[in-house]
Amino acid sequence: MIYNFNLGIGWASSGVEYAQIYRAKMFRNIGVEAKFVYTDMFPRDNIQHMTENIGFLDSEIMWLYTFFTDTKIAKVSYTLKDLEETFQYKDFTFSRDGKTAKYVFEGKNLFYNVYMVDEKSDLVHRVEIVSRGFLIRKDYYTYCRIYSEYYGPLDNKAHMYQRRYFNEDGTVAYEEIIDGDAVMYQFKDKILCSKEELVGYMVSKLNLTKDDIVIVDRMTGIGQAIMRNAKPARIMSVIHADHFSEGSTDENNILWNNFYEYSFSQQKNIECYIASTDDQNKLIREQFKKYKGVEPNVVTIPVGGLSELKKPDAPRVEHSLITAARLANEKHIDWLVEAVAKVREVIKDVTLDIYGKGGEEEKLRELIKSLSADSYIKLCGQHDLTDVYKHYEAYVSGSTSEGFGLTLMEAIGSGLPIIGFDVRYGNQNFIDEGMNGYKIPVHDDMEKKERVDELAKRIIRMFTEADMEAFHEHSYEKAHKYLTDEVEKRWEQTIKQTI
């Protein structure tokens, strides 16, 4: 069995989670049984809905907090009728507004706020119980109540002091006692004094053997607990981003990225590090040798794969650009918006479609409106882009840091040339200058205006000077090495060498 450890997942997932779903599909194809373990708390959503949304099977998911119960990862199926059957008082009024409903129990100074899965169904995700004006409890459901949170008033606010996690029959599996940032987990025969201890206890209960593999995608807050309890299983660490700070590194010292610092300190206990590009693989080994006097086992396995190359079944839309990313500040989608607005002054039919969700969505919407660009720059939301890229002429990226760049891989798999900054590792890996796109030189002191201007110049250059047919063909040629069959072979070889 391969256990893959991560922290969280969301509706606007990062590249780490997309890398995991690619890996899950590859493991299915090569017949390797795998579990994906998440250790964050998800109070606003059912973890199953988010993992299914990205493509996981329920049987592949393990959640730290239900691991110690007999409840299963499942869709929400608990209904308003099921909830009503638990009511102590049967005299109530009911009202509903979209995804929320309210039960008021007459004469009891008690009401329930109910949060449904969506606006149309009667499926209950969570219930807030308010007594005498104070929140006293929140109950969370899938097909049964999976846990409850208990609250008391403190400084005129609802203060959570306890969680109880339940088995299917309603019995308490264990409890979490909360005092600010301090937590304690109480089992029938054990008390744990931190979340890290809970993670370690979970790993110990997996009863791992030398035939098992533990792959850690994020180590923050869980790395030590895994390392202490995973033996005799073999441990691998995946490097998803740039692994060091270049500005704080000199001839004598290196500053590792804090996401990987602990992992790199445990080189003797880690079977191998997994980099997604040969360039990063080489750099990691060189830096270990220079700064630590050792050369670790580093293997290159792309974090994704292409099932096939996608060819357009109709002419590509002329002068059309696509980008796909989490709508977060570090992706610099605003630079792309401003650049395309500049390009519009020269190329009158240029368009940009932006795919993804995230916290910057409203800011981007306002920026597009302020530029009067609504007719040619669109926020398209989150979609499966498998058969979408091929309709566009080119891909454009504003990111200044990509460990790999799954969307870049998907773009060349549909023959798209790419415009982006000359930064490690994704753009340098997928763009051959002047052959399937352009890499923009960049430095830390480069002002935003200059970055926007350079993006606009490259877009204009591509659409007015480049041999687009040759650019498309070169991207297809580069994409061959990322076909799923090739990536699966690397996984099979690595697993075989590890066990």
Protein backbone atom coordinates (compact mmCIF):
# COMPACT_ATOMS: atom_id res chain seq x y z
CA MET A 1 0.00 0.00 0.00
CA ILE A 2 1.11 3.55 -0.71
CA TYR A 3 -0.05 6.21 1.74
CA ASN A 4 0.11 9.80 0.45
CA PHE A 5 0.04 12.45 3.20
CA ASN A 6 -1.13 16.01 2.67
CA LEU A 7 -2.68 18.80 4.73
CA GLY A 8 -5.82 20.14 3.05
CA ILE A 9 -7.88 20.29 -0.10
CA GLY A 10 -10.40 22.86 -1.31
CA TRP A 11 -12.70 23.82 -4.14
CA ALA A 12 -9.88 25.95 -5.58
CA SER A 13 -7.14 23.42 -4.98
CA SER A 14 -3.45 24.09 -5.43
CA GLY A 15 -1.09 22.28 -7.75
CA VAL A 16 -0.26 19.84 -4.94
CA GLU A 17 -3.77 18.40 -4.93
CA TYR A 18 -3.92 18.26 -8.73
CA ALA A 19 -0.58 16.47 -8.68
CA GLN A 20 -2.09 13.96 -6.26
CA ILE A 21 -5.10 13.21 -8.47
CA TYR A 22 -2.80 12.64 -11.44
CA ARG A 23 -0.80 10.27 -9.24
CA ALA A 24 -3.97 8.50 -8.07
CA LYS A 25 -5.03 7.83 -11.65
CA MET A 26 -1.58 6.52 -12.56
CA PHE A 27 -1.53 4.20 -9.55
CA ARG A 28 -4.93 2.85 -10.61
CA ASN A 29 -3.61 2.22 -14.10
CA ILE A 30 -0.54 0.30 -12.91
CA GLY A 31 -2.51 -1.65 -10.31
CA VAL A 32 -0.97 -0.08 -7.18
CA GLU A 33 -3.27 0.34 -4.19
CA ALA A 34 -3.03 3.84 -2.72
CA LYS A 35 -4.63 6.00 -0.06
CA PHE A 36 -4.58 9.79 0.15
CA VAL A 37 -4.54 11.08 3.71
CA TYR A 38 -5.69 14.61 4.63
CA THR A 39 -4.95 16.04 8.05
CA ASP A 40 -6.66 19.45 8.04
CA MET A 41 -10.08 20.18 9.55
CA PHE A 42 -12.88 21.01 7.08
CA PRO A 43 -15.71 22.68 9.03
CA ARG A 44 -17.33 24.44 6.07
CA ASP A 45 -17.46 21.51 3.66
CA ASN A 46 -17.71 17.75 3.53
CA ILE A 47 -14.28 16.47 2.50
CA GLN A 48 -15.92 13.91 0.18
CA HIS A 49 -17.49 16.61 -1.97
CA MET A 50 -14.11 18.28 -2.52
CA THR A 51 -12.16 15.07 -3.18
CA GLU A 52 -14.82 13.76 -5.57
CA ASN A 53 -14.86 17.12 -7.33
CA ILE A 54 -11.19 16.77 -8.21
CA GLY A 55 -11.50 13.11 -9.26
CA PHE A 56 -10.69 10.90 -6.25
CA LEU A 57 -12.61 7.75 -5.39
CA ASP A 58 -14.11 7.63 -1.89
CA SER A 59 -12.17 4.42 -1.24
CA GLU A 60 -8.89 6.30 -1.82
CA ILE A 61 -9.48 8.97 0.83
CA MET A 62 -8.56 8.87 4.51
CA TRP A 63 -9.28 11.75 6.87
CA LEU A 64 -7.36 12.10 10.11
CA TYR A 65 -10.42 12.96 12.21
CA THR A 66 -12.67 10.08 11.11
CA PHE A 67 -9.84 7.53 10.98
CA PHE A 68 -10.47 6.65 14.64
CA THR A 69 -14.20 6.13 14.05
CA ASP A 70 -16.13 3.62 11.94
CA THR A 71 -17.75 6.32 9.79
CA LYS A 72 -16.84 6.25 6.11
CA ILE A 73 -15.94 8.93 3.61
CA ALA A 74 -19.28 9.56 1.94
CA LYS A 75 -21.51 12.12 0.30
CA VAL A 76 -24.00 13.98 2.43
CA SER A 77 -27.25 12.01 2.49
CA TYR A 78 -28.64 13.13 5.86
CA THR A 79 -31.91 15.01 5.25
CA LEU A 80 -34.08 17.58 6.97
CA LYS A 81 -36.54 14.79 7.72
CA ASP A 82 -33.77 12.77 9.40
CA LEU A 83 -32.90 15.82 11.46
CA GLU A 84 -36.51 16.45 12.49
CA GLU A 85 -36.79 12.90 13.82
CA THR A 86 -34.09 13.76 16.41
CA PHE A 87 -35.94 16.79 17.79
CA GLN A 88 -36.91 16.68 21.44
CA TYR A 89 -39.62 19.30 20.82
CA LYS A 90 -42.09 18.76 18.00
CA ASP A 91 -43.70 22.21 18.07
CA PHE A 92 -41.66 24.39 15.73
CA THR A 93 -41.82 26.78 12.79
CA PHE A 94 -39.67 26.26 9.70
CA SER A 95 -38.32 28.76 7.17
CA ARG A 96 -35.76 28.52 4.40
CA ASP A 97 -33.69 30.93 2.34
CA GLY A 98 -31.53 29.22 -0.29
CA LYS A 99 -28.91 27.00 1.36
CA THR A 100 -29.94 27.91 4.92
CA ALA A 101 -33.00 26.96 6.94
CA LYS A 102 -34.21 27.79 10.42
CA TYR A 103 -36.22 25.87 12.99
CA VAL A 104 -37.68 27.92 15.83
CA PHE A 105 -39.05 26.02 18.83
CA GLU A 106 -41.88 28.09 20.23
CA GLY A 107 -41.64 28.98 23.91
CA LYS A 108 -38.26 27.27 24.36
CA ASN A 109 -35.95 30.18 23.50
CA LEU A 110 -34.26 27.74 21.11
CA PHE A 111 -33.61 27.70 17.39
CA TYR A 112 -31.55 25.69 14.88
CA ASN A 113 -29.72 27.21 11.88
CA VAL A 114 -29.35 24.52 9.23
CA TYR A 115 -26.85 24.67 6.35
CA MET A 116 -27.68 22.53 3.34
CA VAL A 117 -25.38 21.21 0.64
CA ASP A 118 -27.02 23.39 -2.01
CA GLU A 119 -30.00 25.64 -2.57
CA LYS A 120 -32.32 22.97 -3.97
CA SER A 121 -31.81 19.82 -1.91
CA ASP A 122 -32.79 19.02 1.68
CA LEU A 123 -29.38 17.47 2.39
CA VAL A 124 -27.95 18.71 5.69
CA HIS A 125 -24.25 19.48 6.08
CA ARG A 126 -24.27 21.14 9.50
CA VAL A 127 -26.60 22.49 12.16
CA GLU A 128 -26.02 25.32 14.63
CA ILE A 129 -28.00 25.10 17.87
CA VAL A 130 -28.68 28.41 19.60
CA SER A 131 -30.19 28.49 23.11
CA ARG A 132 -31.14 31.70 24.95
CA GLY A 133 -29.24 33.68 22.34
CA PHE A 134 -26.00 31.69 22.70
CA LEU A 135 -24.47 29.23 20.25
CA ILE A 136 -24.06 26.00 22.20
CA ARG A 137 -23.36 23.34 19.57
CA LYS A 138 -22.64 22.61 15.91
CA ASP A 139 -23.41 19.17 14.47
CA TYR A 140 -21.81 17.92 11.23
CA TYR A 141 -23.36 15.23 9.02
CA THR A 142 -22.72 12.98 6.06
CA TYR A 143 -24.93 9.89 6.27
CA CYS A 144 -24.90 10.21 10.07
CA ARG A 145 -23.57 12.71 12.58
CA ILE A 146 -19.78 12.51 12.28
CA TYR A 147 -18.77 15.08 14.89
CA SER A 148 -20.08 17.90 17.08
CA GLU A 149 -18.52 21.11 18.37
CA TYR A 150 -19.48 22.52 21.76
CA TYR A 151 -19.47 26.23 22.61
CA GLY A 152 -19.75 28.46 25.64
CA PRO A 153 -19.87 32.27 25.88
CA LEU A 154 -16.54 33.99 26.54
CA ASP A 155 -15.88 37.70 26.12
CA ASN A 156 -19.25 38.05 24.40
CA LYS A 157 -18.24 35.51 21.77
CA ALA A 158 -18.94 31.83 21.18
CA HIS A 159 -15.90 29.94 22.44
CA MET A 160 -15.39 26.36 21.23
CA TYR A 161 -14.12 24.14 24.02
CA GLN A 162 -14.75 20.59 22.77
CA ARG A 163 -15.34 18.33 19.80
CA ARG A 164 -16.78 14.84 19.93
CA TYR A 165 -16.30 12.36 17.08
CA PHE A 166 -18.94 9.69 16.65
CA ASN A 167 -19.27 6.16 15.34
CA GLU A 168 -22.11 5.23 13.01
CA ASP A 169 -24.32 4.12 15.92
CA GLY A 170 -23.93 7.48 17.66
CA THR A 171 -21.47 6.35 20.33
CA VAL A 172 -18.48 8.60 21.05
CA ALA A 173 -15.24 7.36 19.46
CA TYR A 174 -13.01 10.00 21.05
CA GLU A 175 -13.04 13.63 22.19
CA GLU A 176 -10.98 16.74 21.47
CA ILE A 177 -10.59 19.23 24.30
CA ILE A 178 -9.75 22.76 23.12
CA ASP A 179 -8.30 25.70 25.02
CA GLY A 180 -7.32 28.39 22.53
CA ASP A 181 -4.47 26.96 20.47
CA ALA A 182 -3.94 24.06 22.88
CA VAL A 183 -5.69 20.77 22.15
CA MET A 184 -5.93 17.39 23.84
CA TYR A 185 -7.40 14.20 22.39
CA GLN A 186 -8.99 11.76 24.80
CA PHE A 187 -9.49 8.11 23.88
CA LYS A 188 -10.71 5.34 26.18
CA ASP A 189 -7.16 4.18 26.78
CA LYS A 190 -4.98 7.10 25.71
CA ILE A 191 -4.59 10.86 25.96
CA LEU A 192 -2.72 12.81 23.28
CA CYS A 193 -1.58 16.36 23.90
CA SER A 194 -1.25 17.81 20.39
CA LYS A 195 -2.44 17.39 16.83
CA GLU A 196 1.05 16.21 15.93
CA GLU A 197 0.65 13.36 18.42
CA LEU A 198 -2.73 12.54 16.85
CA VAL A 199 -1.09 12.29 13.42
CA GLY A 200 1.63 10.07 14.87
CA TYR A 201 -0.97 7.86 16.55
CA MET A 202 -2.78 7.50 13.24
CA VAL A 203 0.42 6.49 11.45
CA SER A 204 1.22 3.95 14.16
CA LYS A 205 -2.27 2.45 13.79
CA LEU A 206 -1.70 1.87 10.08
CA ASN A 207 0.61 -1.01 11.10
CA LEU A 208 2.99 -0.26 8.26
CA THR A 209 5.41 -2.88 6.98
CA LYS A 210 8.54 -2.84 4.83
CA ASP A 211 6.26 -3.45 1.83
CA ASP A 212 4.43 -0.15 2.39
CA ILE A 213 5.45 3.27 1.06
CA VAL A 214 4.66 6.63 2.63
CA ILE A 215 4.75 9.62 0.27
CA VAL A 216 4.64 13.01 1.98
CA ASP A 217 3.43 15.90 -0.16
CA ARG A 218 3.44 18.51 2.61
CA MET A 219 5.39 18.11 5.86
CA THR A 220 4.35 21.26 7.74
CA GLY A 221 3.16 20.25 11.20
CA ILE A 222 3.01 16.54 10.39
CA GLY A 223 6.50 15.62 9.16
CA GLN A 224 8.05 14.65 12.49
CA ALA A 225 5.03 12.59 13.53
CA ILE A 226 5.17 10.65 10.28
CA MET A 227 8.92 10.10 10.40
CA ARG A 228 8.77 8.79 13.99
CA ASN A 229 5.99 6.29 13.33
CA ALA A 230 6.24 5.19 9.70
CA LYS A 231 9.12 2.71 9.97
CA PRO A 232 9.67 0.10 8.59
CA ALA A 233 7.79 1.59 5.63
CA ARG A 234 9.85 3.47 3.05
CA ILE A 235 9.38 7.25 3.05
CA MET A 236 9.45 9.51 -0.01
CA SER A 237 9.23 13.30 -0.04
CA VAL A 238 7.77 15.15 -3.03
CA ILE A 239 9.22 18.56 -3.90
CA HIS A 240 6.37 20.66 -5.32
CA ALA A 241 7.96 24.12 -5.46
CA ASP A 242 11.27 25.91 -5.55
CA HIS A 243 13.10 24.35 -2.61
CA PHE A 244 15.40 27.21 -1.51
CA SER A 245 15.64 31.00 -1.26
CA GLU A 246 18.12 32.21 -3.83
CA GLY A 247 18.45 35.68 -2.31
CA SER A 248 19.43 34.24 1.09
CA THR A 249 21.89 31.69 -0.27
CA ASP A 250 25.62 32.28 -0.69
CA GLU A 251 28.79 30.22 -1.12
CA ASN A 252 28.74 29.00 2.48
CA ASN A 253 25.09 28.78 3.46
CA ILE A 254 21.78 27.85 1.90
CA LEU A 255 18.30 28.76 3.11
CA TRP A 256 15.92 25.91 2.35
CA ASN A 257 12.24 26.60 1.72
CA ASN A 258 10.59 26.09 5.13
CA PHE A 259 8.21 23.55 3.58
CA TYR A 260 11.20 21.28 2.87
CA GLU A 261 13.71 22.19 5.57
CA TYR A 262 12.67 19.36 7.88
CA SER A 263 12.49 16.89 5.01
CA PHE A 264 16.03 17.80 3.91
CA SER A 265 17.31 17.43 7.48
CA GLN A 266 16.09 13.82 7.44
CA GLN A 267 18.01 12.76 4.36
CA LYS A 268 19.22 9.54 6.02
CA ASN A 269 15.65 8.43 6.72
CA ILE A 270 14.13 9.29 3.35
CA GLU A 271 14.30 6.70 0.64
CA CYS A 272 14.12 9.28 -2.12
CA TYR A 273 13.12 12.81 -2.96
CA ILE A 274 10.87 13.23 -5.98
CA ALA A 275 11.46 16.25 -8.21
CA SER A 276 9.23 16.96 -11.18
CA THR A 277 11.94 18.21 -13.54
CA ASP A 278 15.50 17.12 -14.33
CA ASP A 279 16.76 20.66 -13.73
CA GLN A 280 15.48 20.70 -10.15
CA ASN A 281 16.73 17.16 -9.58
CA LYS A 282 20.22 18.18 -10.64
CA LEU A 283 20.19 21.36 -8.54
CA ILE A 284 19.02 19.56 -5.39
CA ARG A 285 21.82 16.99 -5.67
CA GLU A 286 24.43 19.67 -6.35
CA GLN A 287 23.29 21.72 -3.33
CA PHE A 288 23.23 18.73 -0.98
CA LYS A 289 26.74 17.84 -2.02
CA LYS A 290 28.01 21.41 -1.66
CA TYR A 291 26.32 22.40 1.61
CA LYS A 292 25.84 19.04 3.38
CA GLY A 293 28.57 16.86 1.88
CA VAL A 294 26.11 14.15 0.80
CA GLU A 295 24.28 13.23 -2.37
CA PRO A 296 20.71 12.07 -1.73
CA ASN A 297 18.63 9.81 -3.94
CA VAL A 298 16.56 12.15 -6.10
CA VAL A 299 14.33 10.84 -8.88
CA THR A 300 12.53 12.81 -11.54
CA ILE A 301 8.86 12.02 -11.99
CA PRO A 302 6.58 14.61 -13.58
CA VAL A 303 3.67 15.39 -11.27
CA GLY A 304 1.20 14.84 -14.09
CA GLY A 305 0.73 13.00 -17.32
CA LEU A 306 -1.16 13.33 -20.59
CA SER A 307 -3.46 10.51 -21.63
CA GLU A 308 -3.13 11.67 -25.23
CA LEU A 309 -2.20 14.67 -27.32
CA LYS A 310 -5.24 16.79 -28.09
CA LYS A 311 -5.61 17.99 -31.68
CA PRO A 312 -8.23 20.61 -32.61
CA ASP A 313 -11.23 19.34 -34.56
CA ALA A 314 -11.88 22.86 -35.90
CA PRO A 315 -9.65 25.86 -36.61
CA ARG A 316 -8.27 27.47 -33.46
CA VAL A 317 -9.83 30.80 -32.57
CA GLU A 318 -7.49 33.42 -33.99
CA HIS A 319 -5.59 35.57 -31.45
CA SER A 320 -7.15 33.72 -28.53
CA LEU A 321 -5.25 33.33 -25.25
CA ILE A 322 -5.97 31.07 -22.30
CA THR A 323 -4.59 30.93 -18.78
CA ALA A 324 -5.57 28.56 -15.97
CA ALA A 325 -4.58 29.02 -12.35
CA ARG A 326 -5.79 29.45 -8.82
CA LEU A 327 -6.90 33.08 -8.64
CA ALA A 328 -4.31 34.02 -6.04
CA ASN A 329 -1.99 36.99 -5.77
CA GLU A 330 1.16 34.96 -6.52
CA LYS A 331 -0.24 33.92 -9.92
CA HIS A 332 -0.30 37.57 -11.07
CA ILE A 333 -3.38 37.21 -13.25
CA ASP A 334 -3.79 41.00 -13.00
CA TRP A 335 -0.58 41.42 -15.01
CA LEU A 336 -2.08 39.31 -17.78
CA VAL A 337 -5.31 41.31 -17.76
CA GLU A 338 -3.45 44.62 -18.07
CA ALA A 339 -1.12 43.21 -20.76
CA VAL A 340 -3.97 41.95 -22.92
CA ALA A 341 -5.73 45.32 -22.58
CA LYS A 342 -2.55 46.90 -24.01
CA VAL A 343 -2.38 44.31 -26.80
CA ARG A 344 -5.97 45.15 -27.74
CA GLU A 345 -4.76 48.55 -28.94
CA VAL A 346 -2.72 46.77 -31.62
CA ILE A 347 -4.52 43.45 -32.19
CA LYS A 348 -8.18 44.36 -32.20
CA ASP A 349 -9.58 40.84 -31.83
CA VAL A 350 -7.27 39.48 -29.10
CA THR A 351 -9.09 37.63 -26.30
CA LEU A 352 -8.13 36.15 -22.94
CA ASP A 353 -10.11 33.49 -21.09
CA ILE A 354 -9.15 32.98 -17.44
CA TYR A 355 -9.99 29.62 -15.86
CA GLY A 356 -9.86 29.00 -12.11
CA LYS A 357 -11.28 30.09 -8.78
CA GLY A 358 -9.73 31.81 -5.79
CA GLY A 359 -9.59 34.77 -3.47
CA GLU A 360 -8.59 37.32 -6.14
CA GLU A 361 -11.69 36.74 -8.28
CA GLU A 362 -13.58 39.89 -7.27
CA LYS A 363 -10.49 42.09 -7.63
CA LEU A 364 -9.92 40.71 -11.12
CA ARG A 365 -13.54 41.25 -12.03
CA GLU A 366 -13.27 44.90 -10.95
CA LEU A 367 -9.98 45.34 -12.84
CA ILE A 368 -11.49 43.95 -16.05
CA LYS A 369 -14.46 46.28 -15.67
CA SER A 370 -12.24 49.31 -14.99
CA LEU A 371 -10.36 48.60 -18.24
CA SER A 372 -13.65 48.21 -20.17
CA ALA A 373 -12.34 44.79 -21.16
CA ASP A 374 -15.45 42.73 -20.33
CA SER A 375 -16.07 41.90 -23.98
CA TYR A 376 -12.70 40.24 -24.56
CA ILE A 377 -11.33 39.18 -21.14
CA LYS A 378 -13.50 36.60 -19.36
CA LEU A 379 -13.43 34.93 -15.95
CA CYS A 380 -14.58 31.42 -16.83
CA GLY A 381 -14.55 29.68 -13.44
CA GLN A 382 -13.35 26.17 -12.66
CA HIS A 383 -13.70 23.63 -15.48
CA ASP A 384 -12.24 20.41 -16.77
CA LEU A 385 -9.97 21.80 -19.48
CA THR A 386 -9.00 18.50 -21.07
CA ASP A 387 -10.77 19.33 -24.33
CA VAL A 388 -10.70 23.12 -23.93
CA TYR A 389 -7.06 24.11 -24.51
CA LYS A 390 -7.09 22.92 -28.12
CA HIS A 391 -9.51 25.66 -29.19
CA TYR A 392 -7.01 28.43 -28.32
CA GLU A 393 -3.94 29.73 -30.13
CA ALA A 394 -1.64 30.27 -27.14
CA TYR A 395 -1.22 30.03 -23.38
CA VAL A 396 0.04 32.88 -21.20
CA SER A 397 1.32 32.73 -17.61
CA GLY A 398 2.01 35.50 -15.09
CA SER A 399 3.46 33.25 -12.40
CA THR A 400 7.02 33.88 -11.23
CA SER A 401 7.37 30.53 -9.44
CA GLU A 402 6.26 27.12 -10.69
CA GLY A 403 7.76 23.89 -9.40
CA PHE A 404 6.35 22.15 -12.46
CA GLY A 405 3.20 23.75 -13.85
CA LEU A 406 0.48 21.20 -14.59
CA THR A 407 -1.42 23.68 -16.73
CA LEU A 408 1.74 24.31 -18.75
CA MET A 409 2.01 20.58 -19.41
CA GLU A 410 -1.67 20.39 -20.36
CA ALA A 411 -1.22 23.40 -22.66
CA ILE A 412 1.62 21.88 -24.68
CA GLY A 413 -0.37 18.63 -24.78
CA SER A 414 -2.87 20.58 -26.86
CA GLY A 415 -0.12 22.13 -28.96
CA LEU A 416 -0.20 25.57 -27.37
CA PRO A 417 2.86 27.80 -27.40
CA ILE A 418 3.48 29.57 -24.08
CA ILE A 419 4.46 33.07 -23.03
CA GLY A 420 5.81 33.42 -19.49
CA PHE A 421 8.65 34.69 -17.34
CA ASP A 422 12.09 33.06 -17.45
CA VAL A 423 11.82 31.46 -14.01
CA ARG A 424 12.43 28.01 -12.58
CA TYR A 425 11.21 25.42 -13.23
CA GLY A 426 8.00 25.19 -15.21
CA ASN A 427 8.44 27.90 -17.82
CA GLN A 428 12.08 26.96 -18.41
CA ASN A 429 11.03 23.33 -18.73
CA PHE A 430 8.15 23.80 -21.17
CA ILE A 431 9.19 26.82 -23.25
CA ASP A 432 11.93 26.64 -25.87
CA GLU A 433 12.65 30.28 -26.69
CA GLY A 434 11.49 31.22 -30.19
CA MET A 435 10.39 27.66 -30.95
CA ASN A 436 7.16 27.27 -28.98
CA GLY A 437 6.94 30.55 -27.12
CA TYR A 438 8.88 33.24 -25.31
CA LYS A 439 10.56 33.48 -21.90
CA ILE A 440 10.64 37.00 -20.47
CA PRO A 441 13.83 37.85 -18.51
CA VAL A 442 12.87 38.99 -15.02
CA HIS A 443 14.62 40.25 -11.87
CA ASP A 444 13.48 41.21 -8.39
CA ASP A 445 13.72 44.97 -9.02
CA MET A 446 11.58 44.80 -12.16
CA GLU A 447 8.53 47.04 -11.71
CA LYS A 448 5.02 45.79 -12.41
CA LYS A 449 4.62 48.18 -15.36
CA GLU A 450 7.71 46.75 -17.04
CA ARG A 451 6.46 43.19 -16.49
CA VAL A 452 3.09 44.08 -18.02
CA ASP A 453 4.76 45.84 -20.96
CA GLU A 454 7.04 42.85 -21.64
CA LEU A 455 4.09 40.46 -21.57
CA ALA A 456 2.22 42.66 -24.03
CA LYS A 457 5.26 42.88 -26.36
CA ARG A 458 5.63 39.08 -26.44
CA ILE A 459 1.93 38.54 -27.16
CA ILE A 460 2.06 41.02 -30.04
CA ARG A 461 5.28 39.45 -31.31
CA MET A 462 3.77 35.97 -31.26
CA PHE A 463 0.58 36.93 -33.06
CA THR A 464 2.28 39.13 -35.67
CA GLU A 465 5.66 37.50 -36.32
CA ALA A 466 5.71 33.85 -35.22
CA ASP A 467 5.06 30.83 -37.41
CA MET A 468 2.14 29.62 -35.29
CA GLU A 469 1.90 26.28 -37.07
CA ALA A 470 5.56 25.56 -36.26
CA PHE A 471 5.06 26.72 -32.66
CA HIS A 472 2.09 24.37 -32.25
CA GLU A 473 4.02 21.46 -33.70
CA HIS A 474 7.03 22.03 -31.40
CA SER A 475 4.76 22.04 -28.34
CA TYR A 476 3.31 18.70 -29.42
CA GLU A 477 6.83 17.32 -29.81
CA LYS A 478 7.77 18.42 -26.27
CA ALA A 479 4.57 16.91 -24.89
CA HIS A 480 5.44 13.34 -25.93
CA LYS A 481 7.65 12.72 -22.87
CA TYR A 482 4.70 13.55 -20.60
CA LEU A 483 2.34 10.97 -22.00
CA THR A 484 0.88 8.94 -19.15
CA ASP A 485 2.51 5.69 -20.26
CA GLU A 486 5.93 7.26 -19.90
CA VAL A 487 5.23 8.74 -16.47
CA GLU A 488 3.69 5.48 -15.23
CA LYS A 489 6.88 3.66 -16.17
CA ARG A 490 8.87 6.03 -13.93
CA TRP A 491 6.53 5.33 -11.02
CA GLU A 492 6.71 1.58 -11.56
CA GLN A 493 10.51 1.71 -11.67
CA THR A 494 10.75 3.87 -8.53
CA ILE A 495 8.35 1.69 -6.56
CA LYS A 496 10.16 -1.46 -7.66
CA GLN A 497 13.52 -0.06 -6.58
CA THR A 498 12.13 1.16 -3.27
CA ILE A 499 10.44 -1.99 -1.97
